[in-house]
C-alpha atoms as a PDB file:
ATOM      1  CA  MET A   1     167.424  39.371   6.140  1.00  0.00           C
ATOM      2  CA  GLU A   2     166.730  42.522   4.174  1.00  0.00           C
ATOM      3  CA  ASN A   3     168.967  44.579   6.423  1.00  0.00           C
ATOM      4  CA  GLY A   4     171.737  41.979   6.535  1.00  0.00           C
ATOM      5  CA  VAL A   5     175.309  43.208   6.236  1.00  0.00           C
ATOM      6  CA  VAL A   6     177.536  42.399   3.260  1.00  0.00           C
ATOM      7  CA  ALA A   7     181.155  42.083   4.387  1.00  0.00           C
ATOM      8  CA  VAL A   8     183.952  42.757   1.895  1.00  0.00           C
ATOM      9  CA  ALA A   9     187.513  41.568   2.550  1.00  0.00           C
ATOM     10  CA  GLY A  10     190.666  42.848   0.905  1.00  0.00           C
ATOM     11  CA  GLU A  11     192.771  45.824  -0.070  1.00  0.00           C
ATOM     12  CA  ALA A  12     192.055  49.517   0.459  1.00  0.00           C
ATOM     13  CA  LEU A  13     194.818  51.394  -1.305  1.00  0.00           C
ATOM     14  CA  VAL A  14     195.408  54.700  -3.054  1.00  0.00           C
ATOM     15  CA  ASP A  15     195.204  54.996  -6.844  1.00  0.00           C
ATOM     16  CA  MET A  16     197.385  57.692  -8.363  1.00  0.00           C
ATOM     17  CA  VAL A  17     195.157  58.610 -11.323  1.00  0.00           C
ATOM     18  CA  PRO A  18     195.836  61.034 -14.185  1.00  0.00           C
ATOM     19  CA  ALA A  19     194.370  64.464 -13.448  1.00  0.00           C
ATOM     20  CA  PRO A  20     192.072  66.077 -16.047  1.00  0.00           C
ATOM     21  CA  VAL A  21     194.715  68.670 -16.958  1.00  0.00           C
ATOM     22  CA  GLY A  22     198.439  68.474 -17.604  1.00  0.00           C
ATOM     23  CA  ASP A  23     200.814  65.730 -16.530  1.00  0.00           C
ATOM     24  CA  TYR A  24     199.544  65.562 -12.959  1.00  0.00           C
ATOM     25  CA  PHE A  25     198.351  62.691 -10.795  1.00  0.00           C
ATOM     26  CA  GLU A  26     195.574  62.797  -8.215  1.00  0.00           C
ATOM     27  CA  ALA A  27     195.470  60.533  -5.160  1.00  0.00           C
ATOM     28  CA  ALA A  28     192.140  58.669  -5.191  1.00  0.00           C
ATOM     29  CA  PRO A  29     191.205  56.016  -2.618  1.00  0.00           C
ATOM     30  CA  GLY A  30     190.686  52.659  -4.336  1.00  0.00           C
ATOM     31  CA  GLY A  31     191.462  48.970  -4.304  1.00  0.00           C
ATOM     32  CA  SER A  32     188.942  46.555  -5.757  1.00  0.00           C
ATOM     33  CA  PRO A  33     187.391  45.380  -2.432  1.00  0.00           C
ATOM     34  CA  ALA A  34     187.220  48.936  -1.075  1.00  0.00           C
ATOM     35  CA  ASN A  35     185.489  50.047  -4.289  1.00  0.00           C
ATOM     36  CA  VAL A  36     182.956  47.208  -3.907  1.00  0.00           C
ATOM     37  CA  ALA A  37     182.214  48.267  -0.322  1.00  0.00           C
ATOM     38  CA  VAL A  38     181.693  51.903  -1.362  1.00  0.00           C
ATOM     39  CA  ALA A  39     179.453  50.872  -4.264  1.00  0.00           C
ATOM     40  CA  LEU A  40     177.360  48.653  -1.956  1.00  0.00           C
ATOM     41  CA  ALA A  41     176.942  51.439   0.590  1.00  0.00           C
ATOM     42  CA  ARG A  42     175.923  53.917  -2.139  1.00  0.00           C
ATOM     43  CA  LEU A  43     173.316  51.407  -3.306  1.00  0.00           C
ATOM     44  CA  GLY A  44     171.836  51.264   0.187  1.00  0.00           C
ATOM     45  CA  VAL A  45     173.332  47.956   1.338  1.00  0.00           C
ATOM     46  CA  PRO A  46     174.945  47.858   4.804  1.00  0.00           C
ATOM     47  CA  ALA A  47     178.612  47.238   3.929  1.00  0.00           C
ATOM     48  CA  ARG A  48     181.442  46.218   6.282  1.00  0.00           C
ATOM     49  CA  LEU A  49     185.009  46.431   4.978  1.00  0.00           C
ATOM     50  CA  LEU A  50     187.601  44.039   6.372  1.00  0.00           C
ATOM     51  CA  ALA A  51     190.784  45.894   5.454  1.00  0.00           C
ATOM     52  CA  ARG A  52     194.132  46.775   6.993  1.00  0.00           C
ATOM     53  CA  ILE A  53     194.254  50.564   6.801  1.00  0.00           C
ATOM     54  CA  ALA A  54     197.487  52.399   7.568  1.00  0.00           C
ATOM     55  CA  ASP A  55     197.667  55.269  10.024  1.00  0.00           C
ATOM     56  CA  ASP A  56     199.560  57.470   7.586  1.00  0.00           C
ATOM     57  CA  MET A  57     198.490  60.441   5.461  1.00  0.00           C
ATOM     58  CA  LEU A  58     197.129  58.258   2.652  1.00  0.00           C
ATOM     59  CA  GLY A  59     195.563  55.788   5.077  1.00  0.00           C
ATOM     60  CA  ARG A  60     193.643  58.580   6.776  1.00  0.00           C
ATOM     61  CA  ARG A  61     192.419  59.701   3.378  1.00  0.00           C
ATOM     62  CA  ILE A  62     191.193  56.158   2.664  1.00  0.00           C
ATOM     63  CA  ARG A  63     189.437  55.984   6.031  1.00  0.00           C
ATOM     64  CA  ASP A  64     187.723  59.345   5.482  1.00  0.00           C
ATOM     65  CA  HIS A  65     186.604  58.274   1.991  1.00  0.00           C
ATOM     66  CA  LEU A  66     185.132  55.007   3.293  1.00  0.00           C
ATOM     67  CA  THR A  67     183.368  56.439   6.340  1.00  0.00           C
ATOM     68  CA  GLY A  68     182.142  59.388   4.255  1.00  0.00           C
ATOM     69  CA  ASN A  69     180.420  56.874   1.985  1.00  0.00           C
ATOM     70  CA  GLY A  70     178.840  55.015   4.887  1.00  0.00           C
ATOM     71  CA  VAL A  71     181.117  51.939   4.849  1.00  0.00           C
ATOM     72  CA  GLN A  72     181.379  50.267   8.280  1.00  0.00           C
ATOM     73  CA  LEU A  73     184.997  50.074   9.477  1.00  0.00           C
ATOM     74  CA  ASP A  74     184.412  48.641  12.955  1.00  0.00           C
ATOM     75  CA  HIS A  75     186.201  45.419  11.887  1.00  0.00           C
ATOM     76  CA  ALA A  76     189.015  47.106   9.943  1.00  0.00           C
ATOM     77  CA  VAL A  77     192.573  46.832  11.302  1.00  0.00           C
ATOM     78  CA  ALA A  78     194.651  49.922  12.177  1.00  0.00           C
ATOM     79  CA  ALA A  79     197.845  48.850  10.411  1.00  0.00           C
ATOM     80  CA  THR A  80     201.356  50.005  11.295  1.00  0.00           C
ATOM     81  CA  GLU A  81     202.670  49.381   7.754  1.00  0.00           C
ATOM     82  CA  PRO A  82     202.395  52.059   5.016  1.00  0.00           C
ATOM     83  CA  THR A  83     199.583  52.404   2.453  1.00  0.00           C
ATOM     84  CA  THR A  84     199.824  50.574  -0.888  1.00  0.00           C
ATOM     85  CA  LEU A  85     200.041  52.792  -3.983  1.00  0.00           C
ATOM     86  CA  ALA A  86     198.674  51.896  -7.421  1.00  0.00           C
ATOM     87  CA  MET A  87     199.728  54.076 -10.364  1.00  0.00           C
ATOM     88  CA  VAL A  88     196.956  54.113 -12.967  1.00  0.00           C
ATOM     89  CA  ALA A  89     197.413  54.826 -16.677  1.00  0.00           C
ATOM     90  CA  VAL A  90     194.325  55.339 -18.855  1.00  0.00           C
ATOM     91  CA  GLY A  91     194.575  54.347 -22.529  1.00  0.00           C
ATOM     92  CA  PRO A  92     192.874  56.047 -25.484  1.00  0.00           C
ATOM     93  CA  ASP A  93     189.876  53.688 -25.142  1.00  0.00           C
ATOM     94  CA  GLY A  94     189.477  54.484 -21.433  1.00  0.00           C
ATOM     95  CA  GLY A  95     190.939  51.121 -20.365  1.00  0.00           C
ATOM     96  CA  ALA A  96     193.087  51.232 -17.234  1.00  0.00           C
ATOM     97  CA  SER A  97     196.477  49.646 -16.594  1.00  0.00           C
ATOM     98  CA  TYR A  98     198.250  49.551 -13.226  1.00  0.00           C
ATOM     99  CA  ASP A  99     201.707  49.742 -11.676  1.00  0.00           C
ATOM    100  CA  PHE A 100     202.064  49.106  -7.937  1.00  0.00           C
ATOM    101  CA  ARG A 101     204.178  50.113  -4.937  1.00  0.00           C
ATOM    102  CA  PHE A 102     203.397  47.238  -2.628  1.00  0.00           C
ATOM    103  CA  ASP A 103     206.479  45.883  -0.801  1.00  0.00           C
ATOM    104  CA  GLY A 104     205.741  45.501   2.905  1.00  0.00           C
ATOM    105  CA  THR A 105     202.569  47.607   2.731  1.00  0.00           C
ATOM    106  CA  ALA A 106     199.545  47.280   4.986  1.00  0.00           C
ATOM    107  CA  ASP A 107     197.123  45.354   2.778  1.00  0.00           C
ATOM    108  CA  TRP A 108     198.943  42.011   2.645  1.00  0.00           C
ATOM    109  CA  GLN A 109     199.909  41.402   6.288  1.00  0.00           C
ATOM    110  CA  TRP A 110     196.730  39.701   7.572  1.00  0.00           C
ATOM    111  CA  THR A 111     196.968  37.293  10.490  1.00  0.00           C
ATOM    112  CA  ALA A 112     194.272  34.802  11.512  1.00  0.00           C
ATOM    113  CA  ALA A 113     193.877  36.634  14.850  1.00  0.00           C
ATOM    114  CA  GLU A 114     192.988  39.890  13.059  1.00  0.00           C
ATOM    115  CA  LEU A 115     190.085  38.113  11.357  1.00  0.00           C
ATOM    116  CA  ASP A 116     188.602  36.644  14.536  1.00  0.00           C
ATOM    117  CA  GLY A 117     185.030  37.870  14.832  1.00  0.00           C
ATOM    118  CA  ALA A 118     185.243  39.598  11.446  1.00  0.00           C
ATOM    119  CA  LEU A 119     181.864  38.173  10.433  1.00  0.00           C
ATOM    120  CA  ASP A 120     180.073  38.599  13.759  1.00  0.00           C
ATOM    121  CA  GLY A 121     176.583  40.076  13.678  1.00  0.00           C
ATOM    122  CA  PRO A 122     173.954  40.003  10.906  1.00  0.00           C
ATOM    123  CA  VAL A 123     176.356  39.272   8.019  1.00  0.00           C
ATOM    124  CA  VAL A 124     174.597  37.613   5.047  1.00  0.00           C
ATOM    125  CA  ALA A 125     177.407  37.645   2.486  1.00  0.00           C
ATOM    126  CA  LEU A 126     181.177  37.907   2.151  1.00  0.00           C
ATOM    127  CA  HIS A 127     182.769  39.297  -1.019  1.00  0.00           C
ATOM    128  CA  SER A 128     186.457  39.053  -1.792  1.00  0.00           C
ATOM    129  CA  GLY A 129     188.884  38.865  -4.679  1.00  0.00           C
ATOM    130  CA  SER A 130     191.719  40.638  -6.433  1.00  0.00           C
ATOM    131  CA  LEU A 131     195.175  41.008  -4.908  1.00  0.00           C
ATOM    132  CA  ALA A 132     194.354  40.291  -1.261  1.00  0.00           C
ATOM    133  CA  LEU A 133     193.585  36.638  -2.077  1.00  0.00           C
ATOM    134  CA  THR A 134     196.892  36.111  -3.921  1.00  0.00           C
ATOM    135  CA  MET A 135     199.470  38.254  -2.079  1.00  0.00           C
ATOM    136  CA  PRO A 136     201.489  36.564   0.674  1.00  0.00           C
ATOM    137  CA  PRO A 137     201.591  36.390   3.577  1.00  0.00           C
ATOM    138  CA  GLY A 138     198.014  37.532   4.261  1.00  0.00           C
ATOM    139  CA  ALA A 139     196.317  35.714   1.379  1.00  0.00           C
ATOM    140  CA  ALA A 140     196.291  32.405   3.289  1.00  0.00           C
ATOM    141  CA  ALA A 141     194.435  33.948   6.254  1.00  0.00           C
ATOM    142  CA  LEU A 142     191.830  35.570   3.984  1.00  0.00           C
ATOM    143  CA  ARG A 143     191.310  32.399   1.940  1.00  0.00           C
ATOM    144  CA  GLU A 144     190.789  30.503   5.192  1.00  0.00           C
ATOM    145  CA  LEU A 145     188.185  33.094   6.247  1.00  0.00           C
ATOM    146  CA  VAL A 146     186.335  32.632   2.943  1.00  0.00           C
ATOM    147  CA  SER A 147     186.366  28.821   3.214  1.00  0.00           C
ATOM    148  CA  ARG A 148     185.210  28.926   6.823  1.00  0.00           C
ATOM    149  CA  ALA A 149     182.429  31.427   6.080  1.00  0.00           C
ATOM    150  CA  ALA A 150     180.957  29.374   3.233  1.00  0.00           C
ATOM    151  CA  GLY A 151     178.772  27.388   5.625  1.00  0.00           C
ATOM    152  CA  SER A 152     177.033  30.429   7.068  1.00  0.00           C
ATOM    153  CA  VAL A 153     176.986  33.224   4.439  1.00  0.00           C
ATOM    154  CA  THR A 154     176.789  33.723   0.672  1.00  0.00           C
ATOM    155  CA  ILE A 155     180.303  33.852  -0.810  1.00  0.00           C
ATOM    156  CA  SER A 156     180.900  36.305  -3.666  1.00  0.00           C
ATOM    157  CA  TYR A 157     184.174  36.164  -5.603  1.00  0.00           C
ATOM    158  CA  ASP A 158     185.876  38.209  -8.330  1.00  0.00           C
ATOM    159  CA  PRO A 159     189.379  37.039  -9.363  1.00  0.00           C
ATOM    160  CA  ASN A 160     190.087  40.572 -10.696  1.00  0.00           C
ATOM    161  CA  CYS A 161     193.519  39.622 -12.022  1.00  0.00           C
ATOM    162  CA  ARG A 162     196.489  41.953 -11.820  1.00  0.00           C
ATOM    163  CA  PRO A 163     199.110  40.254 -14.027  1.00  0.00           C
ATOM    164  CA  LEU A 164     201.928  42.533 -12.836  1.00  0.00           C
ATOM    165  CA  LEU A 165     201.686  41.204  -9.287  1.00  0.00           C
ATOM    166  CA  MET A 166     200.023  37.809  -9.443  1.00  0.00           C
ATOM    167  CA  GLY A 167     202.800  35.861 -11.129  1.00  0.00           C
ATOM    168  CA  ASP A 168     202.156  32.741 -13.183  1.00  0.00           C
ATOM    169  CA  PRO A 169     198.589  32.481 -14.601  1.00  0.00           C
ATOM    170  CA  ALA A 170     198.534  28.682 -14.149  1.00  0.00           C
ATOM    171  CA  GLY A 171     199.285  29.046 -10.439  1.00  0.00           C
ATOM    172  CA  VAL A 172     196.637  31.752 -10.069  1.00  0.00           C
ATOM    173  CA  LEU A 173     194.095  29.592 -11.924  1.00  0.00           C
ATOM    174  CA  ALA A 174     194.628  26.720  -9.465  1.00  0.00           C
ATOM    175  CA  GLY A 175     193.795  29.143  -6.641  1.00  0.00           C
ATOM    176  CA  VAL A 176     190.744  30.399  -8.547  1.00  0.00           C
ATOM    177  CA  HIS A 177     189.483  26.827  -8.863  1.00  0.00           C
ATOM    178  CA  GLU A 178     189.839  26.333  -5.086  1.00  0.00           C
ATOM    179  CA  LEU A 179     187.665  29.384  -4.466  1.00  0.00           C
ATOM    180  CA  LEU A 180     185.069  28.370  -7.079  1.00  0.00           C
ATOM    181  CA  ALA A 181     184.436  25.271  -4.952  1.00  0.00           C
ATOM    182  CA  VAL A 182     183.176  27.456  -2.062  1.00  0.00           C
ATOM    183  CA  ALA A 183     181.788  30.486  -3.943  1.00  0.00           C
ATOM    184  CA  ASP A 184     178.086  31.114  -4.635  1.00  0.00           C
ATOM    185  CA  VAL A 185     178.300  34.221  -6.843  1.00  0.00           C
ATOM    186  CA  VAL A 186     181.230  34.708  -9.223  1.00  0.00           C
ATOM    187  CA  LYS A 187     181.977  37.671 -11.480  1.00  0.00           C
ATOM    188  CA  VAL A 188     184.918  37.573 -13.876  1.00  0.00           C
ATOM    189  CA  SER A 189     185.885  39.806 -16.791  1.00  0.00           C
ATOM    190  CA  ALA A 190     186.745  38.596 -20.286  1.00  0.00           C
ATOM    191  CA  GLU A 191     190.063  40.402 -19.768  1.00  0.00           C
ATOM    192  CA  ASP A 192     190.780  38.257 -16.682  1.00  0.00           C
ATOM    193  CA  LEU A 193     189.926  35.112 -18.644  1.00  0.00           C
ATOM    194  CA  GLU A 194     192.222  36.085 -21.499  1.00  0.00           C
ATOM    195  CA  TRP A 195     195.086  36.134 -18.989  1.00  0.00           C
ATOM    196  CA  LEU A 196     194.034  33.051 -17.016  1.00  0.00           C
ATOM    197  CA  LEU A 197     192.926  30.901 -19.966  1.00  0.00           C
ATOM    198  CA  PRO A 198     194.217  32.467 -23.190  1.00  0.00           C
ATOM    199  CA  GLY A 199     192.288  31.495 -26.292  1.00  0.00           C
ATOM    200  CA  THR A 200     189.416  29.888 -24.358  1.00  0.00           C
ATOM    201  CA  ARG A 201     185.955  31.161 -25.248  1.00  0.00           C
ATOM    202  CA  PRO A 202     184.032  32.815 -22.380  1.00  0.00           C
ATOM    203  CA  GLU A 203     181.124  30.404 -23.032  1.00  0.00           C
ATOM    204  CA  GLN A 204     183.416  27.439 -22.362  1.00  0.00           C
ATOM    205  CA  VAL A 205     184.764  28.948 -19.153  1.00  0.00           C
ATOM    206  CA  LEU A 206     181.224  29.717 -17.991  1.00  0.00           C
ATOM    207  CA  GLU A 207     180.205  26.059 -18.319  1.00  0.00           C
ATOM    208  CA  ASP A 208     183.370  24.823 -16.622  1.00  0.00           C
ATOM    209  CA  TRP A 209     183.103  27.242 -13.715  1.00  0.00           C
ATOM    210  CA  ILE A 210     179.410  26.631 -13.047  1.00  0.00           C
ATOM    211  CA  ALA A 211     180.166  22.912 -12.909  1.00  0.00           C
ATOM    212  CA  ARG A 212     182.659  23.623 -10.112  1.00  0.00           C
ATOM    213  CA  GLY A 213     179.932  24.689  -7.681  1.00  0.00           C
ATOM    214  CA  PRO A 214     178.780  28.334  -7.818  1.00  0.00           C
ATOM    215  CA  ALA A 215     175.084  29.251  -8.020  1.00  0.00           C
ATOM    216  CA  VAL A 216     175.670  32.136 -10.449  1.00  0.00           C
ATOM    217  CA  VAL A 217     178.625  32.966 -12.711  1.00  0.00           C
ATOM    218  CA  ALA A 218     178.739  36.221 -14.710  1.00  0.00           C
ATOM    219  CA  VAL A 219     181.381  36.980 -17.349  1.00  0.00           C
ATOM    220  CA  THR A 220     181.552  40.692 -18.160  1.00  0.00           C
ATOM    221  CA  LEU A 221     182.468  41.478 -21.778  1.00  0.00           C
ATOM    222  CA  GLY A 222     183.175  45.221 -21.552  1.00  0.00           C
ATOM    223  CA  GLY A 223     181.043  47.156 -24.030  1.00  0.00           C
ATOM    224  CA  ASP A 224     179.612  43.875 -25.344  1.00  0.00           C
ATOM    225  CA  GLY A 225     177.598  43.251 -22.182  1.00  0.00           C
ATOM    226  CA  VAL A 226     177.585  40.154 -20.020  1.00  0.00           C
ATOM    227  CA  LEU A 227     177.245  36.398 -20.301  1.00  0.00           C
ATOM    228  CA  ALA A 228     175.918  34.485 -17.294  1.00  0.00           C
ATOM    229  CA  GLY A 229     174.527  31.191 -16.088  1.00  0.00           C
ATOM    230  CA  THR A 230     173.115  29.501 -13.007  1.00  0.00           C
ATOM    231  CA  ALA A 231     173.554  26.122 -11.351  1.00  0.00           C
ATOM    232  CA  SER A 232     169.993  25.188 -12.357  1.00  0.00           C
ATOM    233  CA  GLY A 233     170.762  25.572 -16.068  1.00  0.00           C
ATOM    234  CA  VAL A 234     169.605  29.115 -16.889  1.00  0.00           C
ATOM    235  CA  ARG A 235     171.855  30.875 -19.423  1.00  0.00           C
ATOM    236  CA  SER A 236     171.722  34.551 -20.356  1.00  0.00           C
ATOM    237  CA  ARG A 237     173.456  37.034 -22.641  1.00  0.00           C
ATOM    238  CA  ARG A 238     172.659  40.701 -22.006  1.00  0.00           C
ATOM    239  CA  PRO A 239     173.761  43.671 -24.134  1.00  0.00           C
ATOM    240  CA  GLY A 240     176.106  46.392 -22.977  1.00  0.00           C
ATOM    241  CA  VAL A 241     174.720  49.774 -21.972  1.00  0.00           C
ATOM    242  CA  PRO A 242     175.771  52.480 -24.472  1.00  0.00           C
ATOM    243  CA  VAL A 243     177.834  55.100 -22.662  1.00  0.00           C
ATOM    244  CA  THR A 244     180.635  57.565 -23.371  1.00  0.00           C
ATOM    245  CA  VAL A 245     183.586  55.951 -21.583  1.00  0.00           C
ATOM    246  CA  VAL A 246     185.786  58.296 -19.559  1.00  0.00           C
ATOM    247  CA  ASP A 247     187.676  55.389 -17.992  1.00  0.00           C
ATOM    248  CA  THR A 248     186.934  51.863 -16.777  1.00  0.00           C
ATOM    249  CA  VAL A 249     188.390  52.276 -13.259  1.00  0.00           C
ATOM    250  CA  GLY A 250     186.043  50.629 -10.749  1.00  0.00           C
ATOM    251  CA  ALA A 251     183.567  49.384 -13.373  1.00  0.00           C
ATOM    252  CA  GLY A 252     184.008  45.696 -12.555  1.00  0.00           C
ATOM    253  CA  ASP A 253     183.812  46.427  -8.824  1.00  0.00           C
ATOM    254  CA  THR A 254     180.585  48.341  -9.393  1.00  0.00           C
ATOM    255  CA  PHE A 255     179.174  45.395 -11.362  1.00  0.00           C
ATOM    256  CA  SER A 256     179.942  43.011  -8.470  1.00  0.00           C
ATOM    257  CA  ALA A 257     178.413  45.390  -5.923  1.00  0.00           C
ATOM    258  CA  ALA A 258     175.261  46.028  -7.967  1.00  0.00           C
ATOM    259  CA  LEU A 259     174.798  42.292  -8.516  1.00  0.00           C
ATOM    260  CA  LEU A 260     175.061  41.729  -4.751  1.00  0.00           C
ATOM    261  CA  ALA A 261     172.747  44.686  -4.075  1.00  0.00           C
ATOM    262  CA  GLY A 262     170.158  43.163  -6.417  1.00  0.00           C
ATOM    263  CA  LEU A 263     170.393  39.815  -4.638  1.00  0.00           C
ATOM    264  CA  HIS A 264     170.204  41.598  -1.253  1.00  0.00           C
ATOM    265  CA  ARG A 265     167.045  43.470  -2.278  1.00  0.00           C
ATOM    266  CA  ARG A 266     165.433  40.214  -3.418  1.00  0.00           C
ATOM    267  CA  GLY A 267     166.255  38.355  -0.186  1.00  0.00           C
ATOM    268  CA  LEU A 268     168.637  35.982  -1.990  1.00  0.00           C
ATOM    269  CA  LEU A 269     171.675  36.373   0.293  1.00  0.00           C
ATOM    270  CA  GLY A 270     172.509  34.282   3.358  1.00  0.00           C
ATOM    271  CA  ALA A 271     172.889  30.549   3.931  1.00  0.00           C
ATOM    272  CA  ALA A 272     169.130  30.011   4.242  1.00  0.00           C
ATOM    273  CA  ALA A 273     168.580  31.582   0.794  1.00  0.00           C
ATOM    274  CA  ARG A 274     171.116  29.336  -0.933  1.00  0.00           C
ATOM    275  CA  PRO A 275     168.541  26.948  -2.478  1.00  0.00           C
ATOM    276  CA  ALA A 276     166.548  29.928  -3.826  1.00  0.00           C
ATOM    277  CA  LEU A 277     169.732  31.503  -5.215  1.00  0.00           C
ATOM    278  CA  ARG A 278     170.640  28.299  -7.030  1.00  0.00           C
ATOM    279  CA  ALA A 279     167.132  28.162  -8.501  1.00  0.00           C
ATOM    280  CA  VAL A 280     166.986  31.785  -9.754  1.00  0.00           C
ATOM    281  CA  ASP A 281     164.782  31.984 -12.863  1.00  0.00           C
ATOM    282  CA  ALA A 282     165.682  33.555 -16.211  1.00  0.00           C
ATOM    283  CA  GLU A 283     163.645  36.716 -15.664  1.00  0.00           C
ATOM    284  CA  THR A 284     165.296  37.420 -12.292  1.00  0.00           C
ATOM    285  CA  LEU A 285     168.766  36.688 -13.652  1.00  0.00           C
ATOM    286  CA  ASP A 286     168.248  39.073 -16.580  1.00  0.00           C
ATOM    287  CA  ALA A 287     166.997  41.824 -14.256  1.00  0.00           C
ATOM    288  CA  LEU A 288     170.017  41.353 -11.956  1.00  0.00           C
ATOM    289  CA  LEU A 289     172.451  41.497 -14.888  1.00  0.00           C
ATOM    290  CA  ASP A 290     170.792  44.559 -16.416  1.00  0.00           C
ATOM    291  CA  GLU A 291     170.951  46.427 -13.099  1.00  0.00           C
ATOM    292  CA  ALA A 292     174.629  45.538 -12.653  1.00  0.00           C
ATOM    293  CA  ALA A 293     175.520  46.453 -16.253  1.00  0.00           C
ATOM    294  CA  LEU A 294     173.792  49.831 -15.916  1.00  0.00           C
ATOM    295  CA  ALA A 295     175.629  50.589 -12.667  1.00  0.00           C
ATOM    296  CA  ALA A 296     178.971  49.647 -14.255  1.00  0.00           C
ATOM    297  CA  ALA A 297     178.228  51.794 -17.325  1.00  0.00           C
ATOM    298  CA  ILE A 298     177.523  54.822 -15.132  1.00  0.00           C
ATOM    299  CA  THR A 299     180.902  54.297 -13.429  1.00  0.00           C
ATOM    300  CA  CYS A 300     182.588  54.157 -16.867  1.00  0.00           C
ATOM    301  CA  SER A 301     181.041  57.531 -17.721  1.00  0.00           C
ATOM    302  CA  ARG A 302     182.802  59.136 -14.724  1.00  0.00           C
ATOM    303  CA  ARG A 303     186.433  59.680 -13.885  1.00  0.00           C
ATOM    304  CA  GLY A 304     187.937  57.122 -11.502  1.00  0.00           C
ATOM    305  CA  ALA A 305     186.077  54.701  -9.225  1.00  0.00           C
ATOM    306  CA  ASP A 306     182.905  56.736  -8.664  1.00  0.00           C
ATOM    307  CA  PRO A 307     180.012  54.257  -8.450  1.00  0.00           C
ATOM    308  CA  PRO A 308     176.380  55.364  -8.671  1.00  0.00           C
ATOM    309  CA  THR A 309     173.898  55.676  -5.832  1.00  0.00           C
ATOM    310  CA  ALA A 310     170.512  53.965  -5.880  1.00  0.00           C
ATOM    311  CA  ASP A 311     169.015  57.344  -6.900  1.00  0.00           C
ATOM    312  CA  ASP A 312     171.474  57.636  -9.827  1.00  0.00           C
ATOM    313  CA  LEU A 313     170.339  54.237 -11.074  1.00  0.00           C
ATOM    314  CA  GLU A 314     166.704  55.124 -10.690  1.00  0.00           C
ATOM    315  CA  SER A 315     167.005  58.430 -12.563  1.00  0.00           C
ATOM    316  CA  ARG A 316     168.994  56.758 -15.376  1.00  0.00           C
ATOM    317  CA  ARG A 317     166.312  54.053 -15.659  1.00  0.00           C
ATOM    318  CA  SER A 318     163.483  56.579 -15.800  1.00  0.00           C
ATOM    319  CA  THR A 319     165.166  58.504 -18.652  1.00  0.00           C
ATOM    320  CA  ALA A 320     166.175  55.369 -20.600  1.00  0.00           C
END
């Protein structure tokens, strides 16, 4: 199913990001799932975003950004609630921290009825994660969608923790474990793990999480690269890609999207491909990780969540 659709479920909000000059903010469409959908579309993968998008000034900006990047919104909900705002601060090392305006906003109000038929058509994978899977009341409906879809599509999951909003790490971890039982492809950052499981080595978490059911687990280590493993026993450690970091906004989302795009290109998405995905060999795993790390590095070299296109990746590879 080379032309199969990858559906992405979750928030599409507006990031208020520091402007290049003075003490100004710019409004940039974002939200981890929305960023993943944009990155997939730029990499040539048909991407469907399941999001609740407000019909307000910021919501229209989000919609224009998504459609302008080729993301399919035919299963998005026209929400009556306002758009969620995330205030982004960028530290001296380019790392991003967030502050949210989220009470009663559009992204968290999912109902089961709104998700009916959300995966109709040639959908081969469903990606989700971040706030939409932890924020009530809609989180329960989305988690149910993910569990129900596991029989028919590849499930991709990124916990993408936001400590300010997610509450107690132990409670979040219990929910992560539930999703690991149905997920096929999991990406998590070392930063997430430090919050979820402080003091635990990424190698230990990798072994524990693979044992819980996924086919592939990748732990991103920032500039130090990525650590990954498969259900069949392959283990890999790949170096980071040297890059001048402007900021890290959207880098993890780009990694997830590029990993899915690599699997899509190799025919490894969809329920029928599950045995092949679980049996991925070391050479294929390394190639997938290198592609995803390069895509994430390119995003780090740009301001905000601005993932590369397939052509960007190709030109960077040919000059490397």
